[in-house]
Amino acid sequence: MNRRIVLTILFVSLVVPCAGAWADDTAIAQKLKDLGGMVTESGGTVTKVEFRECSKLGEPEFQAIAQLHGLKELILYNHCHGLDDAALASLSKLSNLETLGTDGIQVTDEGLKQLAHLKNLREAKFFHTSFGAKGFTGVGFGALAACPRLEHLTVAGISMGDEGFAAIATITQLKELRTWHTYQTAAAFEQIASMPNLQTLYLGQRLPHGPGHPPSLTEATIPVLARIKTLQWLTLTEGRFSAGPLAQLKALPNLKKLVISECEITPEDVEQVRKDLPNVKVEFKPITEEQRAKVEKFLKE
């Protein structure tokens, strides 16, 4: 037999065990549990897989997970560096998947286009995606616009700038966006404000911070946010605010709740905001000294 053919057969047998050991949901579930995964089954069908530590996961494991056709929820947190473009292509076959949570995956914008196949996806969370990697700007997130049921998206701790948020703004079906610690500038809020169905918005400060990197979330952001007429719940964190600019939020006819957390604002200004927004529940979480030191770093220009 040709030596190249022999080597190819040997390689496949080593890295693609799904023909035998991963034969059905029960076998796959056991293998994933052995690797530290938490698996939920119903009637012999795996419906949820959760890993809080993913460093042991590689191509064979992701190919196995891709065979769980009844899977509805997949959580892959901490050191999920083995989830690359090829692995994401495998997972894109999970046609019943409704919830996807990832941390540290190493994909390109081209690879992210595979997300368009997840037509039943309702919620997606991306933490520390491809941080600083070549081939990733965040524009690939625009593929999620092809997921008609997607309503909730989190992007955080990602070296993604304004062009990534321009792509996210095309996901017009989104009702909730949560974002913090990205490379966006204040201009990204113009993109966010154009989203027609946003009801919930959670905003934190940008990274990096310091000289040459002005903060993105400031009082100048408030009039931009005041244009999102569909907004019902707004959370502001890691900023410095006062009552006057926040009063502009009264232009939001559907706003029901405003959360101010980890922000520099006086209790007196908070009380004034409550008076200015009488139909809005204003929840204030006083800043700790540790949080204040962090915010000061974020706001330093």
C-alpha atoms as a PDB file:
ATOM      1  CA  MET A   1       0.000   0.000   0.000  1.00  0.00           C
ATOM      2  CA  ASN A   2       1.201   3.515  -0.766  1.00  0.00           C
ATOM      3  CA  ARG A   3       3.005   4.984   2.263  1.00  0.00           C
ATOM      4  CA  ARG A   4       1.059   8.279   2.049  1.00  0.00           C
ATOM      5  CA  ILE A   5      -2.262   6.394   2.154  1.00  0.00           C
ATOM      6  CA  VAL A   6      -1.140   4.440   5.211  1.00  0.00           C
ATOM      7  CA  LEU A   7      -0.155   7.618   7.058  1.00  0.00           C
ATOM      8  CA  THR A   8      -3.455   9.266   6.165  1.00  0.00           C
ATOM      9  CA  ILE A   9      -5.476   6.329   7.517  1.00  0.00           C
ATOM     10  CA  LEU A  10      -3.408   6.331  10.718  1.00  0.00           C
ATOM     11  CA  PHE A  11      -3.928  10.090  11.222  1.00  0.00           C
ATOM     12  CA  VAL A  12      -7.690   9.869  10.739  1.00  0.00           C
ATOM     13  CA  SER A  13      -7.951   6.977  13.170  1.00  0.00           C
ATOM     14  CA  LEU A  14      -6.122   9.014  15.787  1.00  0.00           C
ATOM     15  CA  VAL A  15      -7.853  12.376  15.527  1.00  0.00           C
ATOM     16  CA  VAL A  16     -11.353  11.389  14.421  1.00  0.00           C
ATOM     17  CA  PRO A  17     -12.617   8.808  16.907  1.00  0.00           C
ATOM     18  CA  CYS A  18     -16.248   9.652  16.206  1.00  0.00           C
ATOM     19  CA  ALA A  19     -16.782   6.594  14.026  1.00  0.00           C
ATOM     20  CA  GLY A  20     -16.426   4.340  17.059  1.00  0.00           C
ATOM     21  CA  ALA A  21     -15.999   5.751  20.535  1.00  0.00           C
ATOM     22  CA  TRP A  22     -18.295   8.699  19.805  1.00  0.00           C
ATOM     23  CA  ALA A  23     -21.030   6.560  18.224  1.00  0.00           C
ATOM     24  CA  ASP A  24     -24.121   7.974  19.990  1.00  0.00           C
ATOM     25  CA  ASP A  25     -25.268  10.579  22.507  1.00  0.00           C
ATOM     26  CA  THR A  26     -24.685   8.289  25.485  1.00  0.00           C
ATOM     27  CA  ALA A  27     -21.107   7.506  24.514  1.00  0.00           C
ATOM     28  CA  ILE A  28     -20.359  11.129  23.679  1.00  0.00           C
ATOM     29  CA  ALA A  29     -21.877  12.279  26.976  1.00  0.00           C
ATOM     30  CA  GLN A  30     -19.643   9.947  28.946  1.00  0.00           C
ATOM     31  CA  LYS A  31     -16.519  11.044  27.096  1.00  0.00           C
ATOM     32  CA  LEU A  32     -17.347  14.709  27.732  1.00  0.00           C
ATOM     33  CA  LYS A  33     -18.017  14.037  31.408  1.00  0.00           C
ATOM     34  CA  ASP A  34     -14.632  12.316  31.652  1.00  0.00           C
ATOM     35  CA  LEU A  35     -13.078  15.556  30.405  1.00  0.00           C
ATOM     36  CA  GLY A  36     -14.830  17.607  33.066  1.00  0.00           C
ATOM     37  CA  GLY A  37     -17.929  18.586  31.148  1.00  0.00           C
ATOM     38  CA  MET A  38     -21.387  18.920  32.649  1.00  0.00           C
ATOM     39  CA  VAL A  39     -23.951  17.185  30.448  1.00  0.00           C
ATOM     40  CA  THR A  40     -27.728  17.363  30.551  1.00  0.00           C
ATOM     41  CA  GLU A  41     -29.695  14.555  28.909  1.00  0.00           C
ATOM     42  CA  SER A  42     -33.382  14.071  28.232  1.00  0.00           C
ATOM     43  CA  GLY A  43     -34.728  10.766  26.996  1.00  0.00           C
ATOM     44  CA  GLY A  44     -31.279   9.657  25.857  1.00  0.00           C
ATOM     45  CA  THR A  45     -30.660  12.908  23.969  1.00  0.00           C
ATOM     46  CA  VAL A  46     -28.018  15.384  25.103  1.00  0.00           C
ATOM     47  CA  THR A  47     -29.574  18.846  25.306  1.00  0.00           C
ATOM     48  CA  LYS A  48     -26.856  20.804  27.125  1.00  0.00           C
ATOM     49  CA  VAL A  49     -23.067  20.645  27.339  1.00  0.00           C
ATOM     50  CA  GLU A  50     -21.161  22.988  29.644  1.00  0.00           C
ATOM     51  CA  PHE A  51     -17.426  23.258  30.183  1.00  0.00           C
ATOM     52  CA  ARG A  52     -16.018  25.722  32.693  1.00  0.00           C
ATOM     53  CA  GLU A  53     -12.483  24.744  31.671  1.00  0.00           C
ATOM     54  CA  CYS A  54     -11.856  23.961  28.011  1.00  0.00           C
ATOM     55  CA  SER A  55      -8.100  23.521  27.770  1.00  0.00           C
ATOM     56  CA  LYS A  56      -8.478  19.774  27.142  1.00  0.00           C
ATOM     57  CA  LEU A  57     -10.841  20.210  24.207  1.00  0.00           C
ATOM     58  CA  GLY A  58      -9.558  19.825  20.661  1.00  0.00           C
ATOM     59  CA  GLU A  59     -10.755  18.885  17.206  1.00  0.00           C
ATOM     60  CA  PRO A  60     -11.970  15.349  18.118  1.00  0.00           C
ATOM     61  CA  GLU A  61     -14.079  16.694  20.986  1.00  0.00           C
ATOM     62  CA  PHE A  62     -15.664  19.430  18.902  1.00  0.00           C
ATOM     63  CA  GLN A  63     -16.415  16.959  16.121  1.00  0.00           C
ATOM     64  CA  ALA A  64     -18.081  14.744  18.708  1.00  0.00           C
ATOM     65  CA  ILE A  65     -20.156  17.602  20.106  1.00  0.00           C
ATOM     66  CA  ALA A  66     -21.241  18.380  16.555  1.00  0.00           C
ATOM     67  CA  GLN A  67     -22.918  14.952  16.436  1.00  0.00           C
ATOM     68  CA  LEU A  68     -25.287  15.886  19.277  1.00  0.00           C
ATOM     69  CA  HIS A  69     -28.121  16.862  16.969  1.00  0.00           C
ATOM     70  CA  GLY A  70     -30.534  17.552  19.834  1.00  0.00           C
ATOM     71  CA  LEU A  71     -28.130  19.937  21.575  1.00  0.00           C
ATOM     72  CA  LYS A  72     -29.773  23.225  22.524  1.00  0.00           C
ATOM     73  CA  GLU A  73     -27.203  24.841  24.822  1.00  0.00           C
ATOM     74  CA  LEU A  74     -23.406  24.831  24.507  1.00  0.00           C
ATOM     75  CA  ILE A  75     -21.215  26.670  27.029  1.00  0.00           C
ATOM     76  CA  LEU A  76     -17.440  26.681  26.481  1.00  0.00           C
ATOM     77  CA  TYR A  77     -15.698  28.925  29.014  1.00  0.00           C
ATOM     78  CA  ASN A  78     -12.045  29.380  30.010  1.00  0.00           C
ATOM     79  CA  HIS A  79      -9.162  28.621  27.638  1.00  0.00           C
ATOM     80  CA  CYS A  80     -11.249  27.451  24.705  1.00  0.00           C
ATOM     81  CA  HIS A  81      -8.302  28.002  22.358  1.00  0.00           C
ATOM     82  CA  GLY A  82      -8.940  24.752  20.526  1.00  0.00           C
ATOM     83  CA  LEU A  83     -12.107  26.142  18.975  1.00  0.00           C
ATOM     84  CA  ASP A  84     -10.794  27.503  15.682  1.00  0.00           C
ATOM     85  CA  ASP A  85     -12.351  28.012  12.251  1.00  0.00           C
ATOM     86  CA  ALA A  86     -12.403  24.273  11.494  1.00  0.00           C
ATOM     87  CA  ALA A  87     -14.010  23.425  14.832  1.00  0.00           C
ATOM     88  CA  LEU A  88     -16.584  26.173  14.397  1.00  0.00           C
ATOM     89  CA  ALA A  89     -17.454  24.752  10.988  1.00  0.00           C
ATOM     90  CA  SER A  90     -18.230  21.446  12.729  1.00  0.00           C
ATOM     91  CA  LEU A  91     -20.351  23.111  15.417  1.00  0.00           C
ATOM     92  CA  SER A  92     -22.294  25.034  12.786  1.00  0.00           C
ATOM     93  CA  LYS A  93     -24.083  21.752  12.032  1.00  0.00           C
ATOM     94  CA  LEU A  94     -25.924  21.988  15.365  1.00  0.00           C
ATOM     95  CA  SER A  95     -29.197  23.030  13.796  1.00  0.00           C
ATOM     96  CA  ASN A  96     -31.152  22.944  17.084  1.00  0.00           C
ATOM     97  CA  LEU A  97     -28.672  25.039  19.073  1.00  0.00           C
ATOM     98  CA  GLU A  98     -30.352  27.936  20.894  1.00  0.00           C
ATOM     99  CA  THR A  99     -27.633  29.162  23.289  1.00  0.00           C
ATOM    100  CA  LEU A 100     -23.898  29.495  22.626  1.00  0.00           C
ATOM    101  CA  GLY A 101     -21.375  30.815  25.144  1.00  0.00           C
ATOM    102  CA  THR A 102     -17.641  30.974  24.393  1.00  0.00           C
ATOM    103  CA  ASP A 103     -14.463  32.291  25.992  1.00  0.00           C
ATOM    104  CA  GLY A 104     -11.106  32.550  24.267  1.00  0.00           C
ATOM    105  CA  ILE A 105     -11.971  30.910  20.953  1.00  0.00           C
ATOM    106  CA  GLN A 106      -9.439  31.479  18.159  1.00  0.00           C
ATOM    107  CA  VAL A 107     -11.361  32.234  14.995  1.00  0.00           C
ATOM    108  CA  THR A 108     -11.089  34.615  12.056  1.00  0.00           C
ATOM    109  CA  ASP A 109     -13.767  36.818  10.570  1.00  0.00           C
ATOM    110  CA  GLU A 110     -14.027  34.309   7.754  1.00  0.00           C
ATOM    111  CA  GLY A 111     -14.560  31.506  10.232  1.00  0.00           C
ATOM    112  CA  LEU A 112     -17.287  33.426  12.025  1.00  0.00           C
ATOM    113  CA  LYS A 113     -19.356  33.300   8.845  1.00  0.00           C
ATOM    114  CA  GLN A 114     -20.186  29.701   9.851  1.00  0.00           C
ATOM    115  CA  LEU A 115     -22.452  31.133  12.558  1.00  0.00           C
ATOM    116  CA  ALA A 116     -25.000  31.945   9.857  1.00  0.00           C
ATOM    117  CA  HIS A 117     -25.979  28.247   9.788  1.00  0.00           C
ATOM    118  CA  LEU A 118     -27.287  28.328  13.376  1.00  0.00           C
ATOM    119  CA  LYS A 119     -30.828  29.287  12.429  1.00  0.00           C
ATOM    120  CA  ASN A 120     -32.330  28.488  15.846  1.00  0.00           C
ATOM    121  CA  LEU A 121     -29.765  30.482  17.824  1.00  0.00           C
ATOM    122  CA  ARG A 122     -31.414  32.789  20.364  1.00  0.00           C
ATOM    123  CA  GLU A 123     -28.505  33.876  22.575  1.00  0.00           C
ATOM    124  CA  ALA A 124     -24.762  34.152  21.923  1.00  0.00           C
ATOM    125  CA  LYS A 125     -21.940  35.270  24.225  1.00  0.00           C
ATOM    126  CA  PHE A 126     -18.381  35.898  23.093  1.00  0.00           C
ATOM    127  CA  PHE A 127     -15.643  36.658  25.632  1.00  0.00           C
ATOM    128  CA  HIS A 128     -11.964  37.251  24.748  1.00  0.00           C
ATOM    129  CA  THR A 129     -12.462  36.107  21.168  1.00  0.00           C
ATOM    130  CA  SER A 130      -9.246  35.939  19.083  1.00  0.00           C
ATOM    131  CA  PHE A 131      -7.686  38.688  21.184  1.00  0.00           C
ATOM    132  CA  GLY A 132      -5.078  40.449  19.060  1.00  0.00           C
ATOM    133  CA  ALA A 133      -5.133  37.681  16.432  1.00  0.00           C
ATOM    134  CA  LYS A 134      -4.580  38.258  12.726  1.00  0.00           C
ATOM    135  CA  GLY A 135      -7.625  37.820  10.521  1.00  0.00           C
ATOM    136  CA  PHE A 136     -10.030  39.003  13.207  1.00  0.00           C
ATOM    137  CA  THR A 137     -11.616  42.455  13.402  1.00  0.00           C
ATOM    138  CA  GLY A 138     -15.113  41.502  14.527  1.00  0.00           C
ATOM    139  CA  VAL A 139     -16.757  42.108  11.151  1.00  0.00           C
ATOM    140  CA  GLY A 140     -17.481  38.382  11.032  1.00  0.00           C
ATOM    141  CA  PHE A 141     -20.111  38.857  13.731  1.00  0.00           C
ATOM    142  CA  GLY A 142     -22.274  40.319  10.991  1.00  0.00           C
ATOM    143  CA  ALA A 143     -22.996  36.724   9.937  1.00  0.00           C
ATOM    144  CA  LEU A 144     -25.345  36.527  12.903  1.00  0.00           C
ATOM    145  CA  ALA A 145     -27.770  38.698  10.970  1.00  0.00           C
ATOM    146  CA  ALA A 146     -28.732  35.480   9.166  1.00  0.00           C
ATOM    147  CA  CYS A 147     -29.937  33.933  12.458  1.00  0.00           C
ATOM    148  CA  PRO A 148     -33.580  35.070  12.535  1.00  0.00           C
ATOM    149  CA  ARG A 149     -34.270  34.098  16.155  1.00  0.00           C
ATOM    150  CA  LEU A 150     -31.166  35.693  17.692  1.00  0.00           C
ATOM    151  CA  GLU A 151     -32.215  38.298  20.268  1.00  0.00           C
ATOM    152  CA  HIS A 152     -29.393  38.411  22.854  1.00  0.00           C
ATOM    153  CA  LEU A 153     -25.704  39.099  22.143  1.00  0.00           C
ATOM    154  CA  THR A 154     -22.718  39.712  24.425  1.00  0.00           C
ATOM    155  CA  VAL A 155     -19.289  40.780  23.140  1.00  0.00           C
ATOM    156  CA  ALA A 156     -16.708  41.580  25.820  1.00  0.00           C
ATOM    157  CA  GLY A 157     -12.978  41.562  26.378  1.00  0.00           C
ATOM    158  CA  ILE A 158     -12.357  41.589  22.633  1.00  0.00           C
ATOM    159  CA  SER A 159      -9.841  43.555  20.539  1.00  0.00           C
ATOM    160  CA  MET A 160     -12.645  44.655  18.226  1.00  0.00           C
ATOM    161  CA  GLY A 161     -13.024  48.236  17.066  1.00  0.00           C
ATOM    162  CA  ASP A 162     -15.733  50.307  15.444  1.00  0.00           C
ATOM    163  CA  GLU A 163     -15.908  48.222  12.262  1.00  0.00           C
ATOM    164  CA  GLY A 164     -16.951  45.245  14.353  1.00  0.00           C
ATOM    165  CA  PHE A 165     -19.782  47.246  15.888  1.00  0.00           C
ATOM    166  CA  ALA A 166     -20.851  48.399  12.435  1.00  0.00           C
ATOM    167  CA  ALA A 167     -21.242  44.710  11.567  1.00  0.00           C
ATOM    168  CA  ILE A 168     -23.148  44.006  14.790  1.00  0.00           C
ATOM    169  CA  ALA A 169     -25.501  46.879  13.980  1.00  0.00           C
ATOM    170  CA  THR A 170     -26.697  44.890  10.952  1.00  0.00           C
ATOM    171  CA  ILE A 171     -28.147  42.256  13.313  1.00  0.00           C
ATOM    172  CA  THR A 172     -31.395  44.164  13.358  1.00  0.00           C
ATOM    173  CA  GLN A 173     -33.360  41.465  15.194  1.00  0.00           C
ATOM    174  CA  LEU A 174     -31.308  41.943  18.381  1.00  0.00           C
ATOM    175  CA  LYS A 175     -33.260  42.945  21.462  1.00  0.00           C
ATOM    176  CA  GLU A 176     -30.357  42.862  23.912  1.00  0.00           C
ATOM    177  CA  LEU A 177     -26.707  43.892  23.526  1.00  0.00           C
ATOM    178  CA  ARG A 178     -24.130  43.680  26.300  1.00  0.00           C
ATOM    179  CA  THR A 179     -20.622  44.986  25.667  1.00  0.00           C
ATOM    180  CA  TRP A 180     -17.567  46.159  27.590  1.00  0.00           C
ATOM    181  CA  HIS A 181     -13.767  46.120  27.339  1.00  0.00           C
ATOM    182  CA  THR A 182     -13.531  46.252  23.551  1.00  0.00           C
ATOM    183  CA  TYR A 183     -11.468  48.595  21.361  1.00  0.00           C
ATOM    184  CA  GLN A 184     -14.418  50.721  20.292  1.00  0.00           C
ATOM    185  CA  THR A 185     -14.383  54.503  20.242  1.00  0.00           C
ATOM    186  CA  ALA A 186     -17.289  56.806  21.024  1.00  0.00           C
ATOM    187  CA  ALA A 187     -18.286  56.551  17.342  1.00  0.00           C
ATOM    188  CA  ALA A 188     -19.418  52.946  17.884  1.00  0.00           C
ATOM    189  CA  PHE A 189     -22.400  54.210  19.877  1.00  0.00           C
ATOM    190  CA  GLU A 190     -23.719  55.815  16.699  1.00  0.00           C
ATOM    191  CA  GLN A 191     -23.860  52.324  15.200  1.00  0.00           C
ATOM    192  CA  ILE A 192     -25.526  50.879  18.289  1.00  0.00           C
ATOM    193  CA  ALA A 193     -28.101  53.671  18.304  1.00  0.00           C
ATOM    194  CA  SER A 194     -29.173  52.703  14.783  1.00  0.00           C
ATOM    195  CA  MET A 195     -30.357  49.247  15.859  1.00  0.00           C
ATOM    196  CA  PRO A 196     -34.156  49.254  15.500  1.00  0.00           C
ATOM    197  CA  ASN A 197     -35.258  46.678  18.092  1.00  0.00           C
ATOM    198  CA  LEU A 198     -32.929  47.104  21.084  1.00  0.00           C
ATOM    199  CA  GLN A 199     -34.742  46.835  24.410  1.00  0.00           C
ATOM    200  CA  THR A 200     -31.841  46.080  26.760  1.00  0.00           C
ATOM    201  CA  LEU A 201     -28.382  47.650  26.620  1.00  0.00           C
ATOM    202  CA  TYR A 202     -25.459  47.029  28.996  1.00  0.00           C
ATOM    203  CA  LEU A 203     -22.426  49.258  28.440  1.00  0.00           C
ATOM    204  CA  GLY A 204     -18.961  49.310  29.957  1.00  0.00           C
ATOM    205  CA  GLN A 205     -15.779  51.186  29.183  1.00  0.00           C
ATOM    206  CA  ARG A 206     -13.384  50.544  26.318  1.00  0.00           C
ATOM    207  CA  LEU A 207      -9.908  49.039  26.295  1.00  0.00           C
ATOM    208  CA  PRO A 208      -7.089  49.908  26.085  1.00  0.00           C
ATOM    209  CA  HIS A 209      -7.098  52.981  28.293  1.00  0.00           C
ATOM    210  CA  GLY A 210      -4.725  55.817  29.039  1.00  0.00           C
ATOM    211  CA  PRO A 211      -2.948  58.422  26.891  1.00  0.00           C
ATOM    212  CA  GLY A 212      -4.039  58.263  23.265  1.00  0.00           C
ATOM    213  CA  HIS A 213      -7.089  56.171  24.098  1.00  0.00           C
ATOM    214  CA  PRO A 214      -9.905  58.478  25.242  1.00  0.00           C
ATOM    215  CA  PRO A 215     -12.787  56.780  27.039  1.00  0.00           C
ATOM    216  CA  SER A 216     -15.688  55.774  24.849  1.00  0.00           C
ATOM    217  CA  LEU A 217     -18.469  55.874  27.452  1.00  0.00           C
ATOM    218  CA  THR A 218     -18.855  59.462  28.678  1.00  0.00           C
ATOM    219  CA  GLU A 219     -21.601  62.008  29.223  1.00  0.00           C
ATOM    220  CA  ALA A 220     -21.336  62.783  25.503  1.00  0.00           C
ATOM    221  CA  THR A 221     -22.709  59.284  24.905  1.00  0.00           C
ATOM    222  CA  ILE A 222     -26.027  60.030  26.613  1.00  0.00           C
ATOM    223  CA  PRO A 223     -27.692  62.057  23.836  1.00  0.00           C
ATOM    224  CA  VAL A 224     -26.755  59.304  21.379  1.00  0.00           C
ATOM    225  CA  LEU A 225     -28.375  56.667  23.587  1.00  0.00           C
ATOM    226  CA  ALA A 226     -31.421  58.893  23.982  1.00  0.00           C
ATOM    227  CA  ARG A 227     -32.215  58.203  20.327  1.00  0.00           C
ATOM    228  CA  ILE A 228     -32.894  54.484  20.928  1.00  0.00           C
ATOM    229  CA  LYS A 229     -36.644  54.866  21.362  1.00  0.00           C
ATOM    230  CA  THR A 230     -37.202  51.123  21.831  1.00  0.00           C
ATOM    231  CA  LEU A 231     -34.907  50.970  24.882  1.00  0.00           C
ATOM    232  CA  GLN A 232     -36.485  49.635  28.087  1.00  0.00           C
ATOM    233  CA  TRP A 233     -33.474  48.760  30.262  1.00  0.00           C
ATOM    234  CA  LEU A 234     -30.128  50.578  30.295  1.00  0.00           C
ATOM    235  CA  THR A 235     -27.077  49.749  32.410  1.00  0.00           C
ATOM    236  CA  LEU A 236     -24.108  52.125  32.579  1.00  0.00           C
ATOM    237  CA  THR A 237     -20.826  51.012  34.170  1.00  0.00           C
ATOM    238  CA  GLU A 238     -17.249  52.265  34.485  1.00  0.00           C
ATOM    239  CA  GLY A 239     -17.990  55.916  33.711  1.00  0.00           C
ATOM    240  CA  ARG A 240     -18.366  59.349  35.279  1.00  0.00           C
ATOM    241  CA  PHE A 241     -21.813  60.931  35.146  1.00  0.00           C
ATOM    242  CA  SER A 242     -23.898  63.751  36.581  1.00  0.00           C
ATOM    243  CA  ALA A 243     -27.606  64.487  36.708  1.00  0.00           C
ATOM    244  CA  GLY A 244     -27.827  67.042  33.910  1.00  0.00           C
ATOM    245  CA  PRO A 245     -26.724  64.841  30.992  1.00  0.00           C
ATOM    246  CA  LEU A 246     -28.578  61.795  32.354  1.00  0.00           C
ATOM    247  CA  ALA A 247     -31.809  63.800  32.349  1.00  0.00           C
ATOM    248  CA  GLN A 248     -31.699  63.565  28.547  1.00  0.00           C
ATOM    249  CA  LEU A 249     -32.799  59.953  28.904  1.00  0.00           C
ATOM    250  CA  LYS A 250     -36.339  61.224  29.482  1.00  0.00           C
ATOM    251  CA  ALA A 251     -36.520  61.279  25.678  1.00  0.00           C
ATOM    252  CA  LEU A 252     -36.815  57.473  25.831  1.00  0.00           C
ATOM    253  CA  PRO A 253     -40.560  56.766  25.943  1.00  0.00           C
ATOM    254  CA  ASN A 254     -40.198  53.077  26.845  1.00  0.00           C
ATOM    255  CA  LEU A 255     -37.391  53.245  29.408  1.00  0.00           C
ATOM    256  CA  LYS A 256     -38.386  51.359  32.538  1.00  0.00           C
ATOM    257  CA  LYS A 257     -35.095  50.810  34.358  1.00  0.00           C
ATOM    258  CA  LEU A 258     -31.721  52.567  34.577  1.00  0.00           C
ATOM    259  CA  VAL A 259     -28.860  50.858  36.400  1.00  0.00           C
ATOM    260  CA  ILE A 260     -25.800  52.915  37.381  1.00  0.00           C
ATOM    261  CA  SER A 261     -23.007  50.656  38.620  1.00  0.00           C
ATOM    262  CA  GLU A 262     -19.259  51.110  39.169  1.00  0.00           C
ATOM    263  CA  CYS A 263     -19.641  54.755  38.160  1.00  0.00           C
ATOM    264  CA  GLU A 264     -18.422  58.003  39.628  1.00  0.00           C
ATOM    265  CA  ILE A 265     -21.612  59.912  40.452  1.00  0.00           C
ATOM    266  CA  THR A 266     -22.726  61.569  43.657  1.00  0.00           C
ATOM    267  CA  PRO A 267     -25.723  60.298  45.628  1.00  0.00           C
ATOM    268  CA  GLU A 268     -27.223  63.777  45.227  1.00  0.00           C
ATOM    269  CA  ASP A 269     -27.052  63.484  41.442  1.00  0.00           C
ATOM    270  CA  VAL A 270     -28.655  60.051  41.613  1.00  0.00           C
ATOM    271  CA  GLU A 271     -31.578  61.505  43.558  1.00  0.00           C
ATOM    272  CA  GLN A 272     -31.897  64.251  40.965  1.00  0.00           C
ATOM    273  CA  VAL A 273     -31.952  61.661  38.173  1.00  0.00           C
ATOM    274  CA  ARG A 274     -34.807  59.900  39.976  1.00  0.00           C
ATOM    275  CA  LYS A 275     -36.730  63.184  40.016  1.00  0.00           C
ATOM    276  CA  ASP A 276     -35.957  63.871  36.363  1.00  0.00           C
ATOM    277  CA  LEU A 277     -37.040  60.358  35.338  1.00  0.00           C
ATOM    278  CA  PRO A 278     -40.111  59.742  37.514  1.00  0.00           C
ATOM    279  CA  ASN A 279     -41.352  56.813  35.434  1.00  0.00           C
ATOM    280  CA  VAL A 280     -38.004  55.012  35.474  1.00  0.00           C
ATOM    281  CA  LYS A 281     -36.725  52.742  38.234  1.00  0.00           C
ATOM    282  CA  VAL A 282     -33.202  54.031  38.918  1.00  0.00           C
ATOM    283  CA  GLU A 283     -30.991  51.416  40.554  1.00  0.00           C
ATOM    284  CA  PHE A 284     -27.746  52.774  41.977  1.00  0.00           C
ATOM    285  CA  LYS A 285     -24.846  50.637  43.173  1.00  0.00           C
ATOM    286  CA  PRO A 286     -22.323  52.859  44.993  1.00  0.00           C
ATOM    287  CA  ILE A 287     -18.776  52.536  43.745  1.00  0.00           C
ATOM    288  CA  THR A 288     -16.150  50.896  45.968  1.00  0.00           C
ATOM    289  CA  GLU A 289     -12.645  52.290  46.359  1.00  0.00           C
ATOM    290  CA  GLU A 290     -11.241  49.416  44.321  1.00  0.00           C
ATOM    291  CA  GLN A 291     -13.740  50.084  41.549  1.00  0.00           C
ATOM    292  CA  ARG A 292     -13.021  53.811  41.715  1.00  0.00           C
ATOM    293  CA  ALA A 293      -9.311  53.195  41.122  1.00  0.00           C
ATOM    294  CA  LYS A 294     -10.145  51.101  38.060  1.00  0.00           C
ATOM    295  CA  VAL A 295     -12.531  53.714  36.674  1.00  0.00           C
ATOM    296  CA  GLU A 296      -9.935  56.446  37.169  1.00  0.00           C
ATOM    297  CA  LYS A 297      -7.565  54.461  34.964  1.00  0.00           C
ATOM    298  CA  PHE A 298     -10.249  54.042  32.299  1.00  0.00           C
ATOM    299  CA  LEU A 299     -10.980  57.764  32.262  1.00  0.00           C
ATOM    300  CA  LYS A 300      -7.389  58.944  32.149  1.00  0.00           C
ATOM    301  CA  GLU A 301      -6.557  60.414  28.710  1.00  0.00           C
END
